Structures are given as structure tokens and as C-alpha cells.
Amino acid sequence: MAEGYCVKDKKMVEIKNPAKIIMKNGKPATQGLCPVCGGKVTRIGG
């Protein structure tokens, strides 16, 4: 599973419901939800 940094919790978390996205600048990223607080978590670079 993908991991990302949750800014609200200030720690690395496993991304819930990860989805591959393309950012405005054309770079790939993985975006999903934090399982702890429910906030948005994005990991740049797939």
C-alpha cells in the first residue's frame, strides 16, 4: 500500500482509498484519505 505524510497528524500514514492522479504540472501523484483524521493525503511521484 502507498504511504504519505498527513500534515494534520504530523506523521506518515497508509493512504486509504489511493487513486493515481496527474497534477496540474503534469507530474504523477497518489491521492487518498488519512485513516486517522480523514484528511486528504497526497504523495508526489506515484
N, C-alpha and C. Protein backbone atom coordinates (compact mmCIF):
# COMPACT_ATOMS: atom_id res chain seq x y z
N MET A 1 0.84 -1.19 0.00
CA MET A 1 0.00 0.00 0.00
C MET A 1 0.88 1.25 0.00
N ALA A 2 0.30 2.34 -0.45
CA ALA A 2 1.02 3.61 -0.53
C ALA A 2 0.99 4.32 0.83
N GLU A 3 2.07 5.00 1.14
CA GLU A 3 2.15 5.79 2.35
C GLU A 3 2.37 7.24 1.99
N GLY A 4 1.83 8.13 2.80
CA GLY A 4 2.01 9.56 2.60
C GLY A 4 2.06 10.26 3.94
N TYR A 5 2.46 11.53 3.92
CA TYR A 5 2.59 12.31 5.14
C TYR A 5 1.29 13.08 5.39
N CYS A 6 0.70 12.87 6.54
CA CYS A 6 -0.50 13.61 6.92
C CYS A 6 -0.06 14.86 7.67
N VAL A 7 -0.41 16.03 7.13
CA VAL A 7 0.00 17.30 7.73
C VAL A 7 -0.71 17.53 9.06
N LYS A 8 -1.96 17.13 9.17
CA LYS A 8 -2.71 17.33 10.41
C LYS A 8 -2.14 16.48 11.55
N ASP A 9 -1.84 15.19 11.26
CA ASP A 9 -1.33 14.28 12.28
C ASP A 9 0.18 14.36 12.45
N LYS A 10 0.88 14.99 11.49
CA LYS A 10 2.34 15.14 11.51
C LYS A 10 3.05 13.79 11.58
N LYS A 11 2.58 12.83 10.76
CA LYS A 11 3.24 11.53 10.70
C LYS A 11 2.91 10.83 9.39
N MET A 12 3.69 9.81 9.07
CA MET A 12 3.44 9.01 7.87
C MET A 12 2.28 8.05 8.15
N VAL A 13 1.35 7.98 7.20
CA VAL A 13 0.19 7.10 7.35
C VAL A 13 -0.01 6.32 6.05
N GLU A 14 -0.69 5.21 6.15
CA GLU A 14 -1.05 4.43 4.96
C GLU A 14 -2.26 5.10 4.31
N ILE A 15 -2.16 5.36 3.01
CA ILE A 15 -3.23 6.08 2.31
C ILE A 15 -4.43 5.18 2.11
N LYS A 16 -5.59 5.66 2.56
CA LYS A 16 -6.85 4.93 2.42
C LYS A 16 -7.50 5.32 1.09
N ASN A 17 -7.98 4.36 0.33
CA ASN A 17 -8.58 4.58 -0.99
C ASN A 17 -7.64 5.33 -1.94
N PRO A 18 -6.40 4.81 -2.15
CA PRO A 18 -5.46 5.52 -3.02
C PRO A 18 -5.92 5.53 -4.47
N ALA A 19 -5.68 6.64 -5.14
CA ALA A 19 -6.01 6.80 -6.56
C ALA A 19 -4.87 7.53 -7.25
N LYS A 20 -4.49 7.06 -8.43
CA LYS A 20 -3.45 7.72 -9.22
C LYS A 20 -4.04 8.95 -9.88
N ILE A 21 -3.34 10.08 -9.76
CA ILE A 21 -3.80 11.33 -10.38
C ILE A 21 -2.63 11.96 -11.12
N ILE A 22 -2.94 12.94 -11.98
CA ILE A 22 -1.93 13.76 -12.64
C ILE A 22 -2.14 15.19 -12.15
N MET A 23 -1.08 15.78 -11.59
CA MET A 23 -1.19 17.14 -11.08
C MET A 23 -1.20 18.15 -12.22
N LYS A 24 -1.48 19.42 -11.91
CA LYS A 24 -1.55 20.47 -12.91
C LYS A 24 -0.26 20.61 -13.71
N ASN A 25 0.88 20.35 -13.06
CA ASN A 25 2.16 20.49 -13.74
C ASN A 25 2.54 19.24 -14.53
N GLY A 26 1.66 18.23 -14.58
CA GLY A 26 1.89 17.03 -15.37
C GLY A 26 2.55 15.89 -14.64
N LYS A 27 2.94 16.08 -13.38
CA LYS A 27 3.60 15.02 -12.62
C LYS A 27 2.57 14.06 -12.02
N PRO A 28 2.92 12.77 -11.95
CA PRO A 28 2.01 11.80 -11.35
C PRO A 28 2.03 11.89 -9.82
N ALA A 29 0.93 11.51 -9.20
CA ALA A 29 0.83 11.51 -7.74
C ALA A 29 -0.22 10.49 -7.32
N THR A 30 -0.20 10.13 -6.04
CA THR A 30 -1.20 9.25 -5.45
C THR A 30 -1.94 10.06 -4.40
N GLN A 31 -3.26 10.03 -4.46
CA GLN A 31 -4.06 10.83 -3.53
C GLN A 31 -5.12 9.95 -2.88
N GLY A 32 -5.36 10.19 -1.60
CA GLY A 32 -6.37 9.44 -0.87
C GLY A 32 -6.68 10.11 0.45
N LEU A 33 -7.16 9.31 1.40
CA LEU A 33 -7.56 9.84 2.70
C LEU A 33 -6.68 9.28 3.81
N CYS A 34 -6.54 10.07 4.87
CA CYS A 34 -5.84 9.63 6.08
C CYS A 34 -6.80 8.75 6.89
N PRO A 35 -6.37 7.55 7.29
CA PRO A 35 -7.26 6.69 8.07
C PRO A 35 -7.50 7.18 9.50
N VAL A 36 -6.66 8.09 10.00
CA VAL A 36 -6.78 8.58 11.36
C VAL A 36 -7.75 9.77 11.44
N CYS A 37 -7.49 10.82 10.63
CA CYS A 37 -8.29 12.05 10.75
C CYS A 37 -9.25 12.25 9.58
N GLY A 38 -9.08 11.51 8.49
CA GLY A 38 -9.96 11.65 7.34
C GLY A 38 -9.59 12.77 6.39
N GLY A 39 -8.44 13.40 6.62
CA GLY A 39 -7.97 14.48 5.75
C GLY A 39 -7.37 13.94 4.46
N LYS A 40 -7.18 14.83 3.50
CA LYS A 40 -6.61 14.45 2.22
C LYS A 40 -5.10 14.28 2.34
N VAL A 41 -4.58 13.16 1.78
CA VAL A 41 -3.14 12.88 1.78
C VAL A 41 -2.70 12.69 0.34
N THR A 42 -1.62 13.39 -0.06
CA THR A 42 -1.11 13.28 -1.42
C THR A 42 0.36 12.92 -1.36
N ARG A 43 0.75 11.93 -2.18
CA ARG A 43 2.16 11.55 -2.30
C ARG A 43 2.57 11.82 -3.74
N ILE A 44 3.53 12.70 -3.92
CA ILE A 44 4.01 13.08 -5.24
C ILE A 44 4.94 12.01 -5.77
N GLY A 45 4.81 11.70 -7.06
CA GLY A 45 5.69 10.74 -7.70
C GLY A 45 5.10 9.36 -7.82
N GLY A 46 3.81 9.25 -7.71
CA GLY A 46 3.17 7.96 -7.92
C GLY A 46 3.04 7.24 -6.68
